[in-house]
């Protein structure tokens, strides 16, 4: 998916992008909403935040935050 205006499959780049975007918002709900606009579905789990690619909801990895 897109991170920093380029297509990428690298989870490290995606994680960097997601964390930078998280700093821009006030709440986790707003962050999840913004990331859906970029094609990512974020879901809180016991291990952290699961990152999936939309529209198929394919899990890319988990952020330990």
PDB file of N, CA and C in Angstrom:
ATOM      1  N   UNK A   1       0.839  -1.173   0.000  1.00  0.00           N
ATOM      2  CA  UNK A   1       0.000   0.000   0.000  1.00  0.00           C
ATOM      3  C   UNK A   1       0.885   1.237   0.000  1.00  0.00           C
ATOM      4  N   UNK A   2       0.271   2.378   0.152  1.00  0.00           N
ATOM      5  CA  UNK A   2       1.006   3.624   0.078  1.00  0.00           C
ATOM      6  C   UNK A   2       1.487   4.070   1.450  1.00  0.00           C
ATOM      7  N   UNK A   3       2.723   4.482   1.500  1.00  0.00           N
ATOM      8  CA  UNK A   3       3.309   5.098   2.688  1.00  0.00           C
ATOM      9  C   UNK A   3       4.284   6.158   2.190  1.00  0.00           C
ATOM     10  N   UNK A   4       4.146   7.361   2.705  1.00  0.00           N
ATOM     11  CA  UNK A   4       5.002   8.467   2.267  1.00  0.00           C
ATOM     12  C   UNK A   4       4.910   8.679   0.757  1.00  0.00           C
ATOM     13  N   UNK A   5       3.704   8.572   0.215  1.00  0.00           N
ATOM     14  CA  UNK A   5       3.426   8.814  -1.206  1.00  0.00           C
ATOM     15  C   UNK A   5       4.114   7.858  -2.162  1.00  0.00           C
ATOM     16  N   UNK A   6       4.432   6.656  -1.709  1.00  0.00           N
ATOM     17  CA  UNK A   6       4.977   5.652  -2.621  1.00  0.00           C
ATOM     18  C   UNK A   6       4.403   4.284  -2.250  1.00  0.00           C
ATOM     19  N   UNK A   7       4.295   3.443  -3.240  1.00  0.00           N
ATOM     20  CA  UNK A   7       3.769   2.099  -3.043  1.00  0.00           C
ATOM     21  C   UNK A   7       4.841   1.246  -2.375  1.00  0.00           C
ATOM     22  N   UNK A   8       4.476   0.562  -1.290  1.00  0.00           N
ATOM     23  CA  UNK A   8       5.451  -0.254  -0.579  1.00  0.00           C
ATOM     24  C   UNK A   8       4.803  -1.480   0.044  1.00  0.00           C
ATOM     25  N   UNK A   9       5.582  -2.517   0.196  1.00  0.00           N
ATOM     26  CA  UNK A   9       5.170  -3.730   0.894  1.00  0.00           C
ATOM     27  C   UNK A   9       6.052  -3.945   2.123  1.00  0.00           C
ATOM     28  N   UNK A  10       7.032  -3.049   2.334  1.00  0.00           N
ATOM     29  CA  UNK A  10       7.988  -3.163   3.429  1.00  0.00           C
ATOM     30  C   UNK A  10       7.328  -2.735   4.740  1.00  0.00           C
ATOM     31  N   UNK A  11       7.214  -3.653   5.693  1.00  0.00           N
ATOM     32  CA  UNK A  11       6.537  -3.364   6.951  1.00  0.00           C
ATOM     33  C   UNK A  11       7.263  -2.282   7.746  1.00  0.00           C
ATOM     34  N   UNK A  12       8.574  -2.175   7.628  1.00  0.00           N
ATOM     35  CA  UNK A  12       9.313  -1.137   8.348  1.00  0.00           C
ATOM     36  C   UNK A  12       8.903   0.253   7.852  1.00  0.00           C
ATOM     37  N   UNK A  13       8.756   0.412   6.552  1.00  0.00           N
ATOM     38  CA  UNK A  13       8.314   1.690   5.991  1.00  0.00           C
ATOM     39  C   UNK A  13       6.877   1.990   6.383  1.00  0.00           C
ATOM     40  N   UNK A  14       6.041   0.974   6.352  1.00  0.00           N
ATOM     41  CA  UNK A  14       4.642   1.144   6.737  1.00  0.00           C
ATOM     42  C   UNK A  14       4.557   1.543   8.205  1.00  0.00           C
ATOM     43  N   UNK A  15       5.331   0.879   9.061  1.00  0.00           N
ATOM     44  CA  UNK A  15       5.321   1.197  10.489  1.00  0.00           C
ATOM     45  C   UNK A  15       5.768   2.640  10.725  1.00  0.00           C
ATOM     46  N   UNK A  16       6.808   3.061  10.047  1.00  0.00           N
ATOM     47  CA  UNK A  16       7.288   4.429  10.177  1.00  0.00           C
ATOM     48  C   UNK A  16       6.196   5.422   9.781  1.00  0.00           C
ATOM     49  N   UNK A  17       5.540   5.170   8.668  1.00  0.00           N
ATOM     50  CA  UNK A  17       4.462   6.024   8.196  1.00  0.00           C
ATOM     51  C   UNK A  17       3.316   6.070   9.202  1.00  0.00           C
ATOM     52  N   UNK A  18       2.886   4.905   9.695  1.00  0.00           N
ATOM     53  CA  UNK A  18       1.762   4.852  10.626  1.00  0.00           C
ATOM     54  C   UNK A  18       2.070   5.593  11.919  1.00  0.00           C
ATOM     55  N   UNK A  19       3.276   5.449  12.432  1.00  0.00           N
ATOM     56  CA  UNK A  19       3.635   6.120  13.676  1.00  0.00           C
ATOM     57  C   UNK A  19       3.751   7.639  13.495  1.00  0.00           C
ATOM     58  N   UNK A  20       4.233   8.084  12.342  1.00  0.00           N
ATOM     59  CA  UNK A  20       4.273   9.524  12.068  1.00  0.00           C
ATOM     60  C   UNK A  20       2.863  10.091  11.991  1.00  0.00           C
ATOM     61  N   UNK A  21       1.966   9.348  11.361  1.00  0.00           N
ATOM     62  CA  UNK A  21       0.577   9.793  11.261  1.00  0.00           C
ATOM     63  C   UNK A  21      -0.105   9.790  12.627  1.00  0.00           C
ATOM     64  N   UNK A  22       0.276   8.866  13.494  1.00  0.00           N
ATOM     65  CA  UNK A  22      -0.315   8.788  14.838  1.00  0.00           C
ATOM     66  C   UNK A  22       0.021  10.033  15.643  1.00  0.00           C
ATOM     67  N   UNK A  23       1.186  10.606  15.423  1.00  0.00           N
ATOM     68  CA  UNK A  23       1.591  11.823  16.134  1.00  0.00           C
ATOM     69  C   UNK A  23       0.747  13.030  15.743  1.00  0.00           C
ATOM     70  N   UNK A  24       0.090  12.981  14.584  1.00  0.00           N
ATOM     71  CA  UNK A  24      -0.673  14.117  14.063  1.00  0.00           C
ATOM     72  C   UNK A  24      -2.097  14.201  14.602  1.00  0.00           C
ATOM     73  N   UNK A  25      -2.578  13.146  15.253  1.00  0.00           N
ATOM     74  CA  UNK A  25      -3.977  13.106  15.664  1.00  0.00           C
ATOM     75  C   UNK A  25      -4.100  13.077  17.186  1.00  0.00           C
ATOM     76  N   UNK A  26      -5.308  13.344  17.666  1.00  0.00           N
ATOM     77  CA  UNK A  26      -5.552  13.403  19.100  1.00  0.00           C
ATOM     78  C   UNK A  26      -5.962  12.073  19.705  1.00  0.00           C
ATOM     79  N   UNK A  27      -6.614  11.220  18.919  1.00  0.00           N
ATOM     80  CA  UNK A  27      -7.125   9.969  19.486  1.00  0.00           C
ATOM     81  C   UNK A  27      -6.806   8.786  18.575  1.00  0.00           C
ATOM     82  N   UNK A  28      -6.859   7.604  19.168  1.00  0.00           N
ATOM     83  CA  UNK A  28      -6.626   6.390  18.391  1.00  0.00           C
ATOM     84  C   UNK A  28      -7.732   6.171  17.363  1.00  0.00           C
ATOM     85  N   UNK A  29      -8.959   6.540  17.710  1.00  0.00           N
ATOM     86  CA  UNK A  29     -10.079   6.388  16.775  1.00  0.00           C
ATOM     87  C   UNK A  29      -9.870   7.248  15.527  1.00  0.00           C
ATOM     88  N   UNK A  30      -9.397   8.478  15.724  1.00  0.00           N
ATOM     89  CA  UNK A  30      -9.128   9.363  14.590  1.00  0.00           C
ATOM     90  C   UNK A  30      -7.995   8.800  13.728  1.00  0.00           C
ATOM     91  N   UNK A  31      -6.980   8.245  14.371  1.00  0.00           N
ATOM     92  CA  UNK A  31      -5.854   7.626  13.669  1.00  0.00           C
ATOM     93  C   UNK A  31      -6.327   6.477  12.800  1.00  0.00           C
ATOM     94  N   UNK A  32      -7.146   5.583  13.372  1.00  0.00           N
ATOM     95  CA  UNK A  32      -7.669   4.442  12.602  1.00  0.00           C
ATOM     96  C   UNK A  32      -8.485   4.930  11.414  1.00  0.00           C
ATOM     97  N   UNK A  33      -9.289   5.962  11.621  1.00  0.00           N
ATOM     98  CA  UNK A  33     -10.115   6.511  10.553  1.00  0.00           C
ATOM     99  C   UNK A  33      -9.245   7.072   9.424  1.00  0.00           C
ATOM    100  N   UNK A  34      -8.215   7.843   9.784  1.00  0.00           N
ATOM    101  CA  UNK A  34      -7.305   8.402   8.772  1.00  0.00           C
ATOM    102  C   UNK A  34      -6.588   7.306   7.999  1.00  0.00           C
ATOM    103  N   UNK A  35      -6.168   6.260   8.678  1.00  0.00           N
ATOM    104  CA  UNK A  35      -5.419   5.192   8.021  1.00  0.00           C
ATOM    105  C   UNK A  35      -6.303   4.386   7.076  1.00  0.00           C
ATOM    106  N   UNK A  36      -7.592   4.302   7.361  1.00  0.00           N
ATOM    107  CA  UNK A  36      -8.506   3.648   6.417  1.00  0.00           C
ATOM    108  C   UNK A  36      -8.504   4.399   5.092  1.00  0.00           C
ATOM    109  N   UNK A  37      -8.353   5.708   5.150  1.00  0.00           N
ATOM    110  CA  UNK A  37      -8.272   6.517   3.937  1.00  0.00           C
ATOM    111  C   UNK A  37      -7.027   6.209   3.112  1.00  0.00           C
ATOM    112  N   UNK A  38      -5.971   5.743   3.764  1.00  0.00           N
ATOM    113  CA  UNK A  38      -4.742   5.356   3.076  1.00  0.00           C
ATOM    114  C   UNK A  38      -4.739   3.879   2.689  1.00  0.00           C
ATOM    115  N   UNK A  39      -5.802   3.150   3.063  1.00  0.00           N
ATOM    116  CA  UNK A  39      -5.899   1.745   2.680  1.00  0.00           C
ATOM    117  C   UNK A  39      -5.437   0.761   3.733  1.00  0.00           C
ATOM    118  N   UNK A  40      -5.358   1.210   4.991  1.00  0.00           N
ATOM    119  CA  UNK A  40      -4.940   0.332   6.082  1.00  0.00           C
ATOM    120  C   UNK A  40      -6.051   0.201   7.102  1.00  0.00           C
ATOM    121  N   UNK A  41      -6.267  -1.005   7.580  1.00  0.00           N
ATOM    122  CA  UNK A  41      -7.212  -1.247   8.664  1.00  0.00           C
ATOM    123  C   UNK A  41      -6.387  -1.561   9.906  1.00  0.00           C
ATOM    124  N   UNK A  42      -6.606  -0.799  10.968  1.00  0.00           N
ATOM    125  CA  UNK A  42      -5.877  -0.995  12.219  1.00  0.00           C
ATOM    126  C   UNK A  42      -6.828  -1.558  13.258  1.00  0.00           C
ATOM    127  N   UNK A  43      -6.361  -2.594  13.953  1.00  0.00           N
ATOM    128  CA  UNK A  43      -7.202  -3.231  14.971  1.00  0.00           C
ATOM    129  C   UNK A  43      -6.336  -3.517  16.194  1.00  0.00           C
ATOM    130  N   UNK A  44      -6.809  -3.072  17.354  1.00  0.00           N
ATOM    131  CA  UNK A  44      -6.093  -3.290  18.604  1.00  0.00           C
ATOM    132  C   UNK A  44      -6.230  -4.753  19.015  1.00  0.00           C
ATOM    133  N   UNK A  45      -5.107  -5.405  19.329  1.00  0.00           N
ATOM    134  CA  UNK A  45      -5.098  -6.787  19.812  1.00  0.00           C
ATOM    135  C   UNK A  45      -4.270  -6.835  21.093  1.00  0.00           C
ATOM    136  N   UNK A  46      -4.158  -7.999  21.672  1.00  0.00           N
ATOM    137  CA  UNK A  46      -3.361  -8.169  22.875  1.00  0.00           C
ATOM    138  C   UNK A  46      -1.883  -7.930  22.643  1.00  0.00           C
ATOM    139  N   UNK A  47      -1.413  -8.118  21.409  1.00  0.00           N
ATOM    140  CA  UNK A  47       0.003  -7.949  21.069  1.00  0.00           C
ATOM    141  C   UNK A  47       0.352  -6.545  20.598  1.00  0.00           C
ATOM    142  N   UNK A  48      -0.639  -5.727  20.325  1.00  0.00           N
ATOM    143  CA  UNK A  48      -0.407  -4.373  19.818  1.00  0.00           C
ATOM    144  C   UNK A  48      -1.494  -3.985  18.842  1.00  0.00           C
ATOM    145  N   UNK A  49      -1.081  -3.396  17.728  1.00  0.00           N
ATOM    146  CA  UNK A  49      -2.025  -2.966  16.693  1.00  0.00           C
ATOM    147  C   UNK A  49      -1.761  -3.784  15.435  1.00  0.00           C
ATOM    148  N   UNK A  50      -2.774  -4.530  15.021  1.00  0.00           N
ATOM    149  CA  UNK A  50      -2.680  -5.340  13.810  1.00  0.00           C
ATOM    150  C   UNK A  50      -2.946  -4.449  12.595  1.00  0.00           C
ATOM    151  N   UNK A  51      -2.070  -4.535  11.604  1.00  0.00           N
ATOM    152  CA  UNK A  51      -2.175  -3.720  10.389  1.00  0.00           C
ATOM    153  C   UNK A  51      -2.596  -4.631   9.238  1.00  0.00           C
ATOM    154  N   UNK A  52      -3.701  -4.276   8.584  1.00  0.00           N
ATOM    155  CA  UNK A  52      -4.193  -5.052   7.451  1.00  0.00           C
ATOM    156  C   UNK A  52      -4.401  -4.133   6.259  1.00  0.00           C
ATOM    157  N   UNK A  53      -4.260  -4.697   5.078  1.00  0.00           N
ATOM    158  CA  UNK A  53      -4.446  -3.949   3.825  1.00  0.00           C
ATOM    159  C   UNK A  53      -5.899  -4.084   3.386  1.00  0.00           C
ATOM    160  N   UNK A  54      -6.503  -2.959   3.070  1.00  0.00           N
ATOM    161  CA  UNK A  54      -7.875  -2.959   2.564  1.00  0.00           C
ATOM    162  C   UNK A  54      -7.843  -3.044   1.043  1.00  0.00           C
ATOM    163  N   UNK A  55      -8.824  -3.525   0.362  1.00  0.00           N
ATOM    164  CA  UNK A  55     -10.140  -3.937   0.819  1.00  0.00           C
ATOM    165  C   UNK A  55     -10.230  -5.412   1.226  1.00  0.00           C
ATOM    166  N   UNK A  56      -9.180  -6.173   1.008  1.00  0.00           N
ATOM    167  CA  UNK A  56      -9.243  -7.612   1.317  1.00  0.00           C
ATOM    168  C   UNK A  56      -8.972  -7.916   2.783  1.00  0.00           C
ATOM    169  N   UNK A  57      -8.528  -6.921   3.536  1.00  0.00           N
ATOM    170  CA  UNK A  57      -8.213  -7.083   4.949  1.00  0.00           C
ATOM    171  C   UNK A  57      -7.108  -8.112   5.175  1.00  0.00           C
ATOM    172  N   UNK A  58      -6.090  -8.091   4.310  1.00  0.00           N
ATOM    173  CA  UNK A  58      -4.938  -8.992   4.419  1.00  0.00           C
ATOM    174  C   UNK A  58      -3.989  -8.455   5.484  1.00  0.00           C
ATOM    175  N   UNK A  59      -3.695  -9.240   6.496  1.00  0.00           N
ATOM    176  CA  UNK A  59      -2.838  -8.800   7.593  1.00  0.00           C
ATOM    177  C   UNK A  59      -1.391  -8.685   7.101  1.00  0.00           C
ATOM    178  N   UNK A  60      -0.786  -7.513   7.361  1.00  0.00           N
ATOM    179  CA  UNK A  60       0.596  -7.252   6.982  1.00  0.00           C
ATOM    180  C   UNK A  60       1.546  -7.488   8.138  1.00  0.00           C
ATOM    181  N   UNK A  61       1.088  -7.205   9.337  1.00  0.00           N
ATOM    182  CA  UNK A  61       1.934  -7.355  10.515  1.00  0.00           C
ATOM    183  C   UNK A  61       1.296  -6.702  11.711  1.00  0.00           C
ATOM    184  N   UNK A  62       2.068  -6.628  12.811  1.00  0.00           N
ATOM    185  CA  UNK A  62       1.572  -6.062  14.058  1.00  0.00           C
ATOM    186  C   UNK A  62       2.566  -5.038  14.580  1.00  0.00           C
ATOM    187  N   UNK A  63       2.035  -3.896  15.016  1.00  0.00           N
ATOM    188  CA  UNK A  63       2.849  -2.867  15.661  1.00  0.00           C
ATOM    189  C   UNK A  63       2.795  -3.091  17.164  1.00  0.00           C
ATOM    190  N   UNK A  64       3.913  -3.210  17.808  1.00  0.00           N
ATOM    191  CA  UNK A  64       3.949  -3.437  19.250  1.00  0.00           C
ATOM    192  C   UNK A  64       3.896  -2.100  19.983  1.00  0.00           C
ATOM    193  N   UNK A  65       2.712  -1.492  20.005  1.00  0.00           N
ATOM    194  CA  UNK A  65       2.545  -0.219  20.721  1.00  0.00           C
ATOM    195  C   UNK A  65       1.369  -0.302  21.663  1.00  0.00           C
TER     196      UNK A  65
END
